[in-house]
PDB file of all heavy atoms in Angstrom:
ATOM      1  N   ASP A   1       6.104 -10.322   3.305  1.00  0.00           N
ATOM      2  CA  ASP A   1       7.056  -9.336   3.903  1.00  0.00           C
ATOM      3  C   ASP A   1       7.931  -8.609   2.867  1.00  0.00           C
ATOM      4  O   ASP A   1       8.550  -7.650   3.160  1.00  0.00           O
ATOM      5  CB  ASP A   1       7.987 -10.007   4.850  1.00  0.00           C
ATOM      6  CG  ASP A   1       8.889 -11.012   4.308  1.00  0.00           C
ATOM      7  OD1 ASP A   1       8.747 -11.417   3.162  1.00  0.00           O
ATOM      8  OD2 ASP A   1       9.865 -11.434   5.034  1.00  0.00           O
ATOM      9  N   GLY A   2       7.851  -9.022   1.597  1.00  0.00           N
ATOM     10  CA  GLY A   2       8.430  -8.180   0.572  1.00  0.00           C
ATOM     11  C   GLY A   2       7.908  -6.802   0.441  1.00  0.00           C
ATOM     12  O   GLY A   2       8.526  -5.847   0.000  1.00  0.00           O
ATOM     13  N   LEU A   3       6.625  -6.626   0.891  1.00  0.00           N
ATOM     14  CA  LEU A   3       6.029  -5.316   1.030  1.00  0.00           C
ATOM     15  C   LEU A   3       6.242  -4.694   2.327  1.00  0.00           C
ATOM     16  O   LEU A   3       6.779  -3.579   2.474  1.00  0.00           O
ATOM     17  CB  LEU A   3       4.518  -5.460   0.665  1.00  0.00           C
ATOM     18  CG  LEU A   3       3.805  -4.112   0.825  1.00  0.00           C
ATOM     19  CD1 LEU A   3       4.193  -3.079  -0.145  1.00  0.00           C
ATOM     20  CD2 LEU A   3       2.193  -4.308   0.833  1.00  0.00           C
ATOM     21  N   SER A   4       5.851  -5.421   3.388  1.00  0.00           N
ATOM     22  CA  SER A   4       5.777  -4.816   4.729  1.00  0.00           C
ATOM     23  C   SER A   4       7.207  -4.544   5.301  1.00  0.00           C
ATOM     24  O   SER A   4       7.347  -3.555   6.112  1.00  0.00           O
ATOM     25  CB  SER A   4       5.081  -5.672   5.758  1.00  0.00           C
ATOM     26  OG  SER A   4       5.542  -7.004   5.707  1.00  0.00           O
ATOM     27  N   ASP A   5       8.290  -5.240   4.843  1.00  0.00           N
ATOM     28  CA  ASP A   5       9.579  -4.901   5.306  1.00  0.00           C
ATOM     29  C   ASP A   5      10.141  -3.650   4.703  1.00  0.00           C
ATOM     30  O   ASP A   5      11.005  -3.013   5.320  1.00  0.00           O
ATOM     31  CB  ASP A   5      10.575  -6.071   4.867  1.00  0.00           C
ATOM     32  CG  ASP A   5      10.580  -7.179   5.926  1.00  0.00           C
ATOM     33  OD1 ASP A   5       9.867  -7.115   6.956  1.00  0.00           O
ATOM     34  OD2 ASP A   5      11.278  -8.181   5.776  1.00  0.00           O
ATOM     35  N   LEU A   6       9.679  -3.266   3.560  1.00  0.00           N
ATOM     36  CA  LEU A   6      10.263  -2.132   2.862  1.00  0.00           C
ATOM     37  C   LEU A   6       9.326  -0.882   2.824  1.00  0.00           C
ATOM     38  O   LEU A   6       9.960   0.329   2.720  1.00  0.00           O
ATOM     39  CB  LEU A   6      10.579  -2.507   1.378  1.00  0.00           C
ATOM     40  CG  LEU A   6      11.570  -3.582   1.202  1.00  0.00           C
ATOM     41  CD1 LEU A   6      11.839  -3.844  -0.315  1.00  0.00           C
ATOM     42  CD2 LEU A   6      12.942  -3.142   1.813  1.00  0.00           C
ATOM     43  N   VAL A   7       8.095  -1.054   2.990  1.00  0.00           N
ATOM     44  CA  VAL A   7       7.177   0.157   2.936  1.00  0.00           C
ATOM     45  C   VAL A   7       6.549   0.296   4.347  1.00  0.00           C
ATOM     46  O   VAL A   7       5.856  -0.597   4.825  1.00  0.00           O
ATOM     47  CB  VAL A   7       6.058  -0.107   1.908  1.00  0.00           C
ATOM     48  CG1 VAL A   7       5.164   1.139   1.735  1.00  0.00           C
ATOM     49  CG2 VAL A   7       6.741  -0.495   0.505  1.00  0.00           C
ATOM     50  N   PRO A   8       6.836   1.461   4.961  1.00  0.00           N
ATOM     51  CA  PRO A   8       6.265   1.674   6.363  1.00  0.00           C
ATOM     52  C   PRO A   8       4.814   1.691   6.296  1.00  0.00           C
ATOM     53  O   PRO A   8       4.077   1.982   5.337  1.00  0.00           O
ATOM     54  CB  PRO A   8       6.875   3.061   6.679  1.00  0.00           C
ATOM     55  CG  PRO A   8       8.028   3.313   5.686  1.00  0.00           C
ATOM     56  CD  PRO A   8       7.667   2.584   4.486  1.00  0.00           C
ATOM     57  N   ASP A   9       4.228   1.376   7.530  1.00  0.00           N
ATOM     58  CA  ASP A   9       2.840   1.280   7.627  1.00  0.00           C
ATOM     59  C   ASP A   9       2.120   2.623   7.261  1.00  0.00           C
ATOM     60  O   ASP A   9       1.050   2.666   6.749  1.00  0.00           O
ATOM     61  CB  ASP A   9       2.432   0.990   9.058  1.00  0.00           C
ATOM     62  CG  ASP A   9       2.693  -0.600   9.334  1.00  0.00           C
ATOM     63  OD1 ASP A   9       3.128  -1.213   8.468  1.00  0.00           O
ATOM     64  OD2 ASP A   9       2.374  -1.000  10.500  1.00  0.00           O
ATOM     65  N   ALA A  10       2.767   3.742   7.625  1.00  0.00           N
ATOM     66  CA  ALA A  10       2.207   5.045   7.293  1.00  0.00           C
ATOM     67  C   ALA A  10       1.997   5.244   5.778  1.00  0.00           C
ATOM     68  O   ALA A  10       1.000   5.701   5.393  1.00  0.00           O
ATOM     69  CB  ALA A  10       3.035   6.161   7.870  1.00  0.00           C
ATOM     70  N   MET A  11       2.961   4.721   4.976  1.00  0.00           N
ATOM     71  CA  MET A  11       2.899   4.895   3.558  1.00  0.00           C
ATOM     72  C   MET A  11       1.828   3.965   3.041  1.00  0.00           C
ATOM     73  O   MET A  11       1.103   4.152   2.100  1.00  0.00           O
ATOM     74  CB  MET A  11       4.265   4.608   2.955  1.00  0.00           C
ATOM     75  CG  MET A  11       4.189   4.801   1.469  1.00  0.00           C
ATOM     76  SD  MET A  11       5.807   4.533   0.641  1.00  0.00           S
ATOM     77  CE  MET A  11       6.602   6.064   1.191  1.00  0.00           C
ATOM     78  N   ILE A  12       1.835   2.702   3.625  1.00  0.00           N
ATOM     79  CA  ILE A  12       0.807   1.666   3.181  1.00  0.00           C
ATOM     80  C   ILE A  12      -0.590   2.315   3.382  1.00  0.00           C
ATOM     81  O   ILE A  12      -1.486   2.207   2.499  1.00  0.00           O
ATOM     82  CB  ILE A  12       0.953   0.392   4.056  1.00  0.00           C
ATOM     83  CG1 ILE A  12       2.224  -0.374   3.537  1.00  0.00           C
ATOM     84  CG2 ILE A  12      -0.295  -0.535   3.740  1.00  0.00           C
ATOM     85  CD1 ILE A  12       2.524  -1.632   4.317  1.00  0.00           C
ATOM     86  N   ALA A  13      -0.756   2.913   4.530  1.00  0.00           N
ATOM     87  CA  ALA A  13      -2.143   3.588   4.824  1.00  0.00           C
ATOM     88  C   ALA A  13      -2.430   4.638   3.785  1.00  0.00           C
ATOM     89  O   ALA A  13      -3.536   4.773   3.298  1.00  0.00           O
ATOM     90  CB  ALA A  13      -2.089   4.145   6.252  1.00  0.00           C
ATOM     91  N   GLU A  14      -1.447   5.474   3.450  1.00  0.00           N
ATOM     92  CA  GLU A  14      -1.728   6.483   2.448  1.00  0.00           C
ATOM     93  C   GLU A  14      -2.042   5.912   1.085  1.00  0.00           C
ATOM     94  O   GLU A  14      -2.998   6.429   0.427  1.00  0.00           O
ATOM     95  CB  GLU A  14      -0.458   7.334   2.302  1.00  0.00           C
ATOM     96  CG  GLU A  14      -0.553   8.529   1.347  1.00  0.00           C
ATOM     97  CD  GLU A  14      -1.537   9.530   1.788  1.00  0.00           C
ATOM     98  OE1 GLU A  14      -1.808   9.684   3.023  1.00  0.00           O
ATOM     99  OE2 GLU A  14      -2.097  10.285   0.878  1.00  0.00           O
ATOM    100  N   LEU A  15      -1.327   4.840   0.708  1.00  0.00           N
ATOM    101  CA  LEU A  15      -1.604   4.315  -0.646  1.00  0.00           C
ATOM    102  C   LEU A  15      -2.950   3.446  -0.621  1.00  0.00           C
ATOM    103  O   LEU A  15      -3.550   3.376  -1.723  1.00  0.00           O
ATOM    104  CB  LEU A  15      -0.454   3.348  -1.025  1.00  0.00           C
ATOM    105  CG  LEU A  15       0.902   4.032  -1.126  1.00  0.00           C
ATOM    106  CD1 LEU A  15       1.981   2.964  -1.460  1.00  0.00           C
ATOM    107  CD2 LEU A  15       0.845   5.060  -2.301  1.00  0.00           C
ATOM    108  N   LEU A  16      -3.380   3.049   0.489  1.00  0.00           N
ATOM    109  CA  LEU A  16      -4.646   2.330   0.515  1.00  0.00           C
ATOM    110  C   LEU A  16      -5.860   3.273   0.273  1.00  0.00           C
ATOM    111  O   LEU A  16      -7.012   2.802   0.248  1.00  0.00           O
ATOM    112  CB  LEU A  16      -4.850   1.599   1.892  1.00  0.00           C
ATOM    113  CG  LEU A  16      -4.053   0.275   1.969  1.00  0.00           C
ATOM    114  CD1 LEU A  16      -4.100  -0.275   3.385  1.00  0.00           C
ATOM    115  CD2 LEU A  16      -4.564  -0.736   1.042  1.00  0.00           C
ATOM    116  N   ARG A  17      -5.583   4.552   0.248  1.00  0.00           N
ATOM    117  CA  ARG A  17      -6.628   5.480  -0.020  1.00  0.00           C
ATOM    118  C   ARG A  17      -7.207   5.445  -1.498  1.00  0.00           C
ATOM    119  O   ARG A  17      -8.273   5.856  -1.793  1.00  0.00           O
ATOM    120  CB  ARG A  17      -6.237   6.865   0.371  1.00  0.00           C
ATOM    121  CG  ARG A  17      -5.874   7.198   1.787  1.00  0.00           C
ATOM    122  CD  ARG A  17      -5.360   8.532   1.981  1.00  0.00           C
ATOM    123  NE  ARG A  17      -6.278   9.645   1.647  1.00  0.00           N
ATOM    124  CZ  ARG A  17      -5.983  10.856   1.677  1.00  0.00           C
ATOM    125  NH1 ARG A  17      -4.835  11.289   2.022  1.00  0.00           N
ATOM    126  NH2 ARG A  17      -6.934  11.785   1.269  1.00  0.00           N
ATOM    127  N   THR A  18      -6.348   4.867  -2.336  1.00  0.00           N
ATOM    128  CA  THR A  18      -6.709   4.720  -3.739  1.00  0.00           C
ATOM    129  C   THR A  18      -7.977   3.841  -3.842  1.00  0.00           C
ATOM    130  O   THR A  18      -8.070   2.833  -3.195  1.00  0.00           O
ATOM    131  CB  THR A  18      -5.595   4.044  -4.559  1.00  0.00           C
ATOM    132  OG1 THR A  18      -4.379   4.854  -4.342  1.00  0.00           O
ATOM    133  CG2 THR A  18      -5.934   4.012  -5.978  1.00  0.00           C
ATOM    134  N   GLU A  19      -8.917   4.245  -4.623  1.00  0.00           N
ATOM    135  CA  GLU A  19     -10.284   3.659  -4.599  1.00  0.00           C
ATOM    136  C   GLU A  19     -10.269   2.207  -5.178  1.00  0.00           C
ATOM    137  O   GLU A  19     -10.825   1.246  -4.574  1.00  0.00           O
ATOM    138  CB  GLU A  19     -11.282   4.495  -5.368  1.00  0.00           C
ATOM    139  CG  GLU A  19     -12.648   3.945  -5.251  1.00  0.00           C
ATOM    140  CD  GLU A  19     -13.736   4.908  -5.796  1.00  0.00           C
ATOM    141  OE1 GLU A  19     -13.355   6.063  -6.040  1.00  0.00           O
ATOM    142  OE2 GLU A  19     -14.839   4.497  -5.967  1.00  0.00           O
ATOM    143  N   ASP A  20      -9.688   2.062  -6.297  1.00  0.00           N
ATOM    144  CA  ASP A  20      -9.813   0.730  -7.047  1.00  0.00           C
ATOM    145  C   ASP A  20      -8.769  -0.262  -6.436  1.00  0.00           C
ATOM    146  O   ASP A  20      -7.577   0.014  -6.410  1.00  0.00           O
ATOM    147  CB  ASP A  20      -9.458   0.996  -8.502  1.00  0.00           C
ATOM    148  CG  ASP A  20      -9.392  -0.295  -9.270  1.00  0.00           C
ATOM    149  OD1 ASP A  20     -10.425  -1.045  -9.288  1.00  0.00           O
ATOM    150  OD2 ASP A  20      -8.295  -0.634  -9.848  1.00  0.00           O
ATOM    151  N   PRO A  21      -9.207  -1.471  -6.076  1.00  0.00           N
ATOM    152  CA  PRO A  21      -8.228  -2.393  -5.436  1.00  0.00           C
ATOM    153  C   PRO A  21      -7.179  -2.866  -6.348  1.00  0.00           C
ATOM    154  O   PRO A  21      -6.024  -2.963  -5.834  1.00  0.00           O
ATOM    155  CB  PRO A  21      -9.254  -3.689  -5.138  1.00  0.00           C
ATOM    156  CG  PRO A  21     -10.538  -3.125  -5.030  1.00  0.00           C
ATOM    157  CD  PRO A  21     -10.593  -1.929  -6.006  1.00  0.00           C
ATOM    158  N   GLN A  22      -7.382  -3.040  -7.636  1.00  0.00           N
ATOM    159  CA  GLN A  22      -6.264  -3.416  -8.554  1.00  0.00           C
ATOM    160  C   GLN A  22      -5.172  -2.279  -8.609  1.00  0.00           C
ATOM    161  O   GLN A  22      -4.015  -2.561  -8.497  1.00  0.00           O
ATOM    162  CB  GLN A  22      -6.780  -3.775  -9.906  1.00  0.00           C
ATOM    163  CG  GLN A  22      -5.793  -4.237 -10.903  1.00  0.00           C
ATOM    164  CD  GLN A  22      -5.168  -5.526 -10.450  1.00  0.00           C
ATOM    165  OE1 GLN A  22      -5.844  -6.513 -10.372  1.00  0.00           O
ATOM    166  NE2 GLN A  22      -3.859  -5.616 -10.269  1.00  0.00           N
ATOM    167  N   SER A  23      -5.663  -1.080  -8.751  1.00  0.00           N
ATOM    168  CA  SER A  23      -4.817   0.050  -8.770  1.00  0.00           C
ATOM    169  C   SER A  23      -3.907   0.132  -7.475  1.00  0.00           C
ATOM    170  O   SER A  23      -2.780   0.498  -7.483  1.00  0.00           O
ATOM    171  CB  SER A  23      -5.407   1.416  -9.064  1.00  0.00           C
ATOM    172  OG  SER A  23      -6.052   1.347 -10.380  1.00  0.00           O
ATOM    173  N   THR A  24      -4.677  -0.054  -6.406  1.00  0.00           N
ATOM    174  CA  THR A  24      -4.038  -0.019  -5.042  1.00  0.00           C
ATOM    175  C   THR A  24      -2.966  -0.990  -4.948  1.00  0.00           C
ATOM    176  O   THR A  24      -1.841  -0.729  -4.440  1.00  0.00           O
ATOM    177  CB  THR A  24      -5.066  -0.167  -3.986  1.00  0.00           C
ATOM    178  OG1 THR A  24      -6.165   0.788  -4.163  1.00  0.00           O
ATOM    179  CG2 THR A  24      -4.479   0.084  -2.599  1.00  0.00           C
ATOM    180  N   ALA A  25      -3.327  -2.253  -5.300  1.00  0.00           N
ATOM    181  CA  ALA A  25      -2.246  -3.387  -5.174  1.00  0.00           C
ATOM    182  C   ALA A  25      -1.136  -3.093  -6.014  1.00  0.00           C
ATOM    183  O   ALA A  25       0.114  -3.250  -5.610  1.00  0.00           O
ATOM    184  CB  ALA A  25      -2.947  -4.695  -5.560  1.00  0.00           C
ATOM    185  N   ALA A  26      -1.297  -2.551  -7.175  1.00  0.00           N
ATOM    186  CA  ALA A  26      -0.179  -2.177  -8.120  1.00  0.00           C
ATOM    187  C   ALA A  26       0.629  -1.063  -7.551  1.00  0.00           C
ATOM    188  O   ALA A  26       1.917  -1.058  -7.579  1.00  0.00           O
ATOM    189  CB  ALA A  26      -0.691  -1.780  -9.476  1.00  0.00           C
TER     190      ALA A  26
END
């Protein structure tokens, strides 16, 4: 919840567009 409490789902979805999983997680 350190991520989901602070970053809205819409922004999470946008950031998940990054292709590389490691870069996305970072």
